[in-house]
PDB file of N, CA and C in Angstrom:
ATOM      1  N   MET A   1      85.469  99.718  95.743  1.00  0.00           N
ATOM      2  CA  MET A   1      85.848  98.417  95.246  1.00  0.00           C
ATOM      3  C   MET A   1      87.174  97.962  95.865  1.00  0.00           C
ATOM      4  N   VAL A   2      88.101  98.879  96.016  1.00  0.00           N
ATOM      5  CA  VAL A   2      89.394  98.523  96.595  1.00  0.00           C
ATOM      6  C   VAL A   2      89.225  98.072  98.045  1.00  0.00           C
ATOM      7  N   SER A   3      88.452  98.782  98.807  1.00  0.00           N
ATOM      8  CA  SER A   3      88.279  98.433 100.227  1.00  0.00           C
ATOM      9  C   SER A   3      87.543  97.107 100.406  1.00  0.00           C
ATOM     10  N   ALA A   4      86.770  96.692  99.416  1.00  0.00           N
ATOM     11  CA  ALA A   4      86.066  95.403  99.468  1.00  0.00           C
ATOM     12  C   ALA A   4      86.921  94.268  98.906  1.00  0.00           C
ATOM     13  N   GLY A   5      88.119  94.588  98.409  1.00  0.00           N
ATOM     14  CA  GLY A   5      88.994  93.563  97.863  1.00  0.00           C
ATOM     15  C   GLY A   5      88.642  93.173  96.436  1.00  0.00           C
ATOM     16  N   MET A   6      87.852  93.991  95.767  1.00  0.00           N
ATOM     17  CA  MET A   6      87.439  93.679  94.397  1.00  0.00           C
ATOM     18  C   MET A   6      88.286  94.399  93.350  1.00  0.00           C
ATOM     19  N   ALA A   7      89.281  95.171  93.795  1.00  0.00           N
ATOM     20  CA  ALA A   7      90.173  95.879  92.881  1.00  0.00           C
ATOM     21  C   ALA A   7      91.466  96.206  93.623  1.00  0.00           C
ATOM     22  N   TRP A   8      92.503  96.460  92.860  1.00  0.00           N
ATOM     23  CA  TRP A   8      93.787  96.852  93.428  1.00  0.00           C
ATOM     24  C   TRP A   8      93.941  98.366  93.350  1.00  0.00           C
ATOM     25  N   ALA A   9      94.769  98.900  94.223  1.00  0.00           N
ATOM     26  CA  ALA A   9      95.128 100.315  94.142  1.00  0.00           C
ATOM     27  C   ALA A   9      96.161 100.443  93.032  1.00  0.00           C
ATOM     28  N   PHE A  10      95.849 101.139  91.971  1.00  0.00           N
ATOM     29  CA  PHE A  10      96.746 101.294  90.828  1.00  0.00           C
ATOM     30  C   PHE A  10      97.590 102.533  91.068  1.00  0.00           C
ATOM     31  N   VAL A  11      98.686 102.352  91.793  1.00  0.00           N
ATOM     32  CA  VAL A  11      99.491 103.477  92.264  1.00  0.00           C
ATOM     33  C   VAL A  11     100.249 104.198  91.161  1.00  0.00           C
ATOM     34  N   ARG A  12     100.237 103.659  89.974  1.00  0.00           N
ATOM     35  CA  ARG A  12     100.888 104.353  88.857  1.00  0.00           C
ATOM     36  C   ARG A  12     100.229 105.716  88.620  1.00  0.00           C
ATOM     37  N   TYR A  13      98.946 105.799  88.870  1.00  0.00           N
ATOM     38  CA  TYR A  13      98.205 107.036  88.622  1.00  0.00           C
ATOM     39  C   TYR A  13      97.749 107.749  89.889  1.00  0.00           C
ATOM     40  N   SER A  14      97.597 107.010  90.988  1.00  0.00           N
ATOM     41  CA  SER A  14      97.097 107.632  92.214  1.00  0.00           C
ATOM     42  C   SER A  14      97.424 106.761  93.416  1.00  0.00           C
ATOM     43  N   ARG A  15      97.709 107.380  94.532  1.00  0.00           N
ATOM     44  CA  ARG A  15      97.962 106.645  95.771  1.00  0.00           C
ATOM     45  C   ARG A  15      96.768 106.771  96.721  1.00  0.00           C
ATOM     46  N   ASP A  16      95.640 107.215  96.198  1.00  0.00           N
ATOM     47  CA  ASP A  16      94.456 107.466  97.009  1.00  0.00           C
ATOM     48  C   ASP A  16      93.921 106.217  97.707  1.00  0.00           C
ATOM     49  N   TYR A  17      94.123 105.051  97.140  1.00  0.00           N
ATOM     50  CA  TYR A  17      93.493 103.838  97.669  1.00  0.00           C
ATOM     51  C   TYR A  17      94.467 102.864  98.326  1.00  0.00           C
ATOM     52  N   VAL A  18      95.686 103.298  98.555  1.00  0.00           N
ATOM     53  CA  VAL A  18      96.703 102.421  99.138  1.00  0.00           C
ATOM     54  C   VAL A  18      96.278 101.921 100.522  1.00  0.00           C
ATOM     55  N   GLU A  19      95.776 102.794 101.347  1.00  0.00           N
ATOM     56  CA  GLU A  19      95.341 102.395 102.697  1.00  0.00           C
ATOM     57  C   GLU A  19      94.155 101.441 102.632  1.00  0.00           C
ATOM     58  N   ASP A  20      93.225 101.678 101.711  1.00  0.00           N
ATOM     59  CA  ASP A  20      92.087 100.770 101.541  1.00  0.00           C
ATOM     60  C   ASP A  20      92.566  99.385 101.125  1.00  0.00           C
ATOM     61  N   GLU A  21      93.553  99.333 100.240  1.00  0.00           N
ATOM     62  CA  GLU A  21      94.086  98.050  99.797  1.00  0.00           C
ATOM     63  C   GLU A  21      94.796  97.328 100.946  1.00  0.00           C
ATOM     64  N   ARG A  22      95.550  98.073 101.753  1.00  0.00           N
ATOM     65  CA  ARG A  22      96.244  97.470 102.897  1.00  0.00           C
ATOM     66  C   ARG A  22      95.250  96.799 103.841  1.00  0.00           C
ATOM     67  N   LYS A  23      94.151  97.494 104.118  1.00  0.00           N
ATOM     68  CA  LYS A  23      93.135  96.935 105.010  1.00  0.00           C
ATOM     69  C   LYS A  23      92.467  95.705 104.396  1.00  0.00           C
ATOM     70  N   ALA A  24      92.214  95.727 103.103  1.00  0.00           N
ATOM     71  CA  ALA A  24      91.610  94.578 102.419  1.00  0.00           C
ATOM     72  C   ALA A  24      92.567  93.386 102.441  1.00  0.00           C
ATOM     73  N   LYS A  25      93.857  93.645 102.280  1.00  0.00           N
ATOM     74  CA  LYS A  25      94.854  92.564 102.341  1.00  0.00           C
ATOM     75  C   LYS A  25      94.887  91.949 103.729  1.00  0.00           C
ATOM     76  N   GLU A  26      94.884  92.786 104.756  1.00  0.00           N
ATOM     77  CA  GLU A  26      94.897  92.287 106.139  1.00  0.00           C
ATOM     78  C   GLU A  26      93.681  91.413 106.420  1.00  0.00           C
ATOM     79  N   ALA A  27      92.540  91.795 105.875  1.00  0.00           N
ATOM     80  CA  ALA A  27      91.301  91.048 106.093  1.00  0.00           C
ATOM     81  C   ALA A  27      91.137  89.897 105.104  1.00  0.00           C
ATOM     82  N   LYS A  28      92.075  89.787 104.155  1.00  0.00           N
ATOM     83  CA  LYS A  28      92.023  88.739 103.120  1.00  0.00           C
ATOM     84  C   LYS A  28      90.686  88.750 102.371  1.00  0.00           C
ATOM     85  N   LEU A  29      90.318  89.943 101.935  1.00  0.00           N
ATOM     86  CA  LEU A  29      89.068  90.116 101.197  1.00  0.00           C
ATOM     87  C   LEU A  29      89.291  89.976  99.699  1.00  0.00           C
ATOM     88  N   GLY A  30      88.326  89.427  99.010  1.00  0.00           N
ATOM     89  CA  GLY A  30      88.316  89.381  97.546  1.00  0.00           C
ATOM     90  C   GLY A  30      89.586  88.833  96.936  1.00  0.00           C
ATOM     91  N   VAL A  31      90.208  89.617  96.048  1.00  0.00           N
ATOM     92  CA  VAL A  31      91.405  89.161  95.338  1.00  0.00           C
ATOM     93  C   VAL A  31      92.584  88.931  96.279  1.00  0.00           C
ATOM     94  N   HIS A  32      92.508  89.434  97.478  1.00  0.00           N
ATOM     95  CA  HIS A  32      93.596  89.256  98.438  1.00  0.00           C
ATOM     96  C   HIS A  32      93.432  87.981  99.267  1.00  0.00           C
ATOM     97  N   ALA A  33      92.381  87.238  99.026  1.00  0.00           N
ATOM     98  CA  ALA A  33      92.133  85.991  99.755  1.00  0.00           C
ATOM     99  C   ALA A  33      92.969  84.849  99.202  1.00  0.00           C
ATOM    100  N   HIS A  34      93.572  85.050  98.047  1.00  0.00           N
ATOM    101  CA  HIS A  34      94.385  84.001  97.418  1.00  0.00           C
ATOM    102  C   HIS A  34      95.504  84.657  96.630  1.00  0.00           C
ATOM    103  N   ASP A  35      96.417  83.835  96.149  1.00  0.00           N
ATOM    104  CA  ASP A  35      97.525  84.353  95.365  1.00  0.00           C
ATOM    105  C   ASP A  35      97.036  84.655  93.962  1.00  0.00           C
ATOM    106  N   CYS A  36      97.062  85.917  93.596  1.00  0.00           N
ATOM    107  CA  CYS A  36      96.510  86.355  92.319  1.00  0.00           C
ATOM    108  C   CYS A  36      97.511  87.292  91.652  1.00  0.00           C
ATOM    109  N   GLU A  37      97.737  87.094  90.361  1.00  0.00           N
ATOM    110  CA  GLU A  37      98.667  87.944  89.628  1.00  0.00           C
ATOM    111  C   GLU A  37      98.024  89.302  89.331  1.00  0.00           C
ATOM    112  N   LEU A  38      98.799  90.347  89.509  1.00  0.00           N
ATOM    113  CA  LEU A  38      98.298  91.691  89.226  1.00  0.00           C
ATOM    114  C   LEU A  38      98.063  91.849  87.725  1.00  0.00           C
ATOM    115  N   PRO A  39      96.958  92.468  87.340  1.00  0.00           N
ATOM    116  CA  PRO A  39      96.623  92.587  85.920  1.00  0.00           C
ATOM    117  C   PRO A  39      97.712  93.260  85.087  1.00  0.00           C
ATOM    118  N   TRP A  40      98.329  94.320  85.609  1.00  0.00           N
ATOM    119  CA  TRP A  40      99.342  95.030  84.833  1.00  0.00           C
ATOM    120  C   TRP A  40     100.606  94.189  84.683  1.00  0.00           C
ATOM    121  N   GLU A  41     100.887  93.293  85.626  1.00  0.00           N
ATOM    122  CA  GLU A  41     102.032  92.394  85.477  1.00  0.00           C
ATOM    123  C   GLU A  41     101.735  91.324  84.430  1.00  0.00           C
ATOM    124  N   TRP A  42     100.505  90.811  84.430  1.00  0.00           N
ATOM    125  CA  TRP A  42     100.108  89.817  83.445  1.00  0.00           C
ATOM    126  C   TRP A  42     100.188  90.398  82.032  1.00  0.00           C
ATOM    127  N   ARG A  43      99.665  91.613  81.859  1.00  0.00           N
ATOM    128  CA  ARG A  43      99.697  92.246  80.533  1.00  0.00           C
ATOM    129  C   ARG A  43     101.126  92.484  80.065  1.00  0.00           C
ATOM    130  N   ALA A  44     102.017  92.868  80.958  1.00  0.00           N
ATOM    131  CA  ALA A  44     103.411  93.095  80.601  1.00  0.00           C
ATOM    132  C   ALA A  44     104.063  91.800  80.113  1.00  0.00           C
ATOM    133  N   GLN A  45     103.731  90.685  80.742  1.00  0.00           N
ATOM    134  CA  GLN A  45     104.268  89.390  80.309  1.00  0.00           C
ATOM    135  C   GLN A  45     103.738  89.004  78.930  1.00  0.00           C
ATOM    136  N   GLN A  46     102.495  89.344  78.637  1.00  0.00           N
ATOM    137  CA  GLN A  46     101.907  89.002  77.355  1.00  0.00           C
ATOM    138  C   GLN A  46     102.542  89.783  76.205  1.00  0.00           C
ATOM    139  N   ARG A  47     103.057  90.961  76.488  1.00  0.00           N
ATOM    140  CA  ARG A  47     103.683  91.782  75.455  1.00  0.00           C
ATOM    141  C   ARG A  47     105.054  91.247  75.054  1.00  0.00           C
ATOM    142  N   GLN A  48     105.680  90.477  75.951  1.00  0.00           N
ATOM    143  CA  GLN A  48     107.034  89.982  75.688  1.00  0.00           C
ATOM    144  C   GLN A  48     107.070  88.835  74.734  1.00  0.00           C
TER     145      GLN A  48
END
């Protein structure tokens, strides 16, 4: 899912998908095709 741009690499728990995410960003695939807020950042704002 990360390599297809359908998910982010959640590095808080694992760095296994960082390279896949980099390649998806370069290709502007899926969520990387536009400016999109990261889910964990959105949730943190909602708690405040």
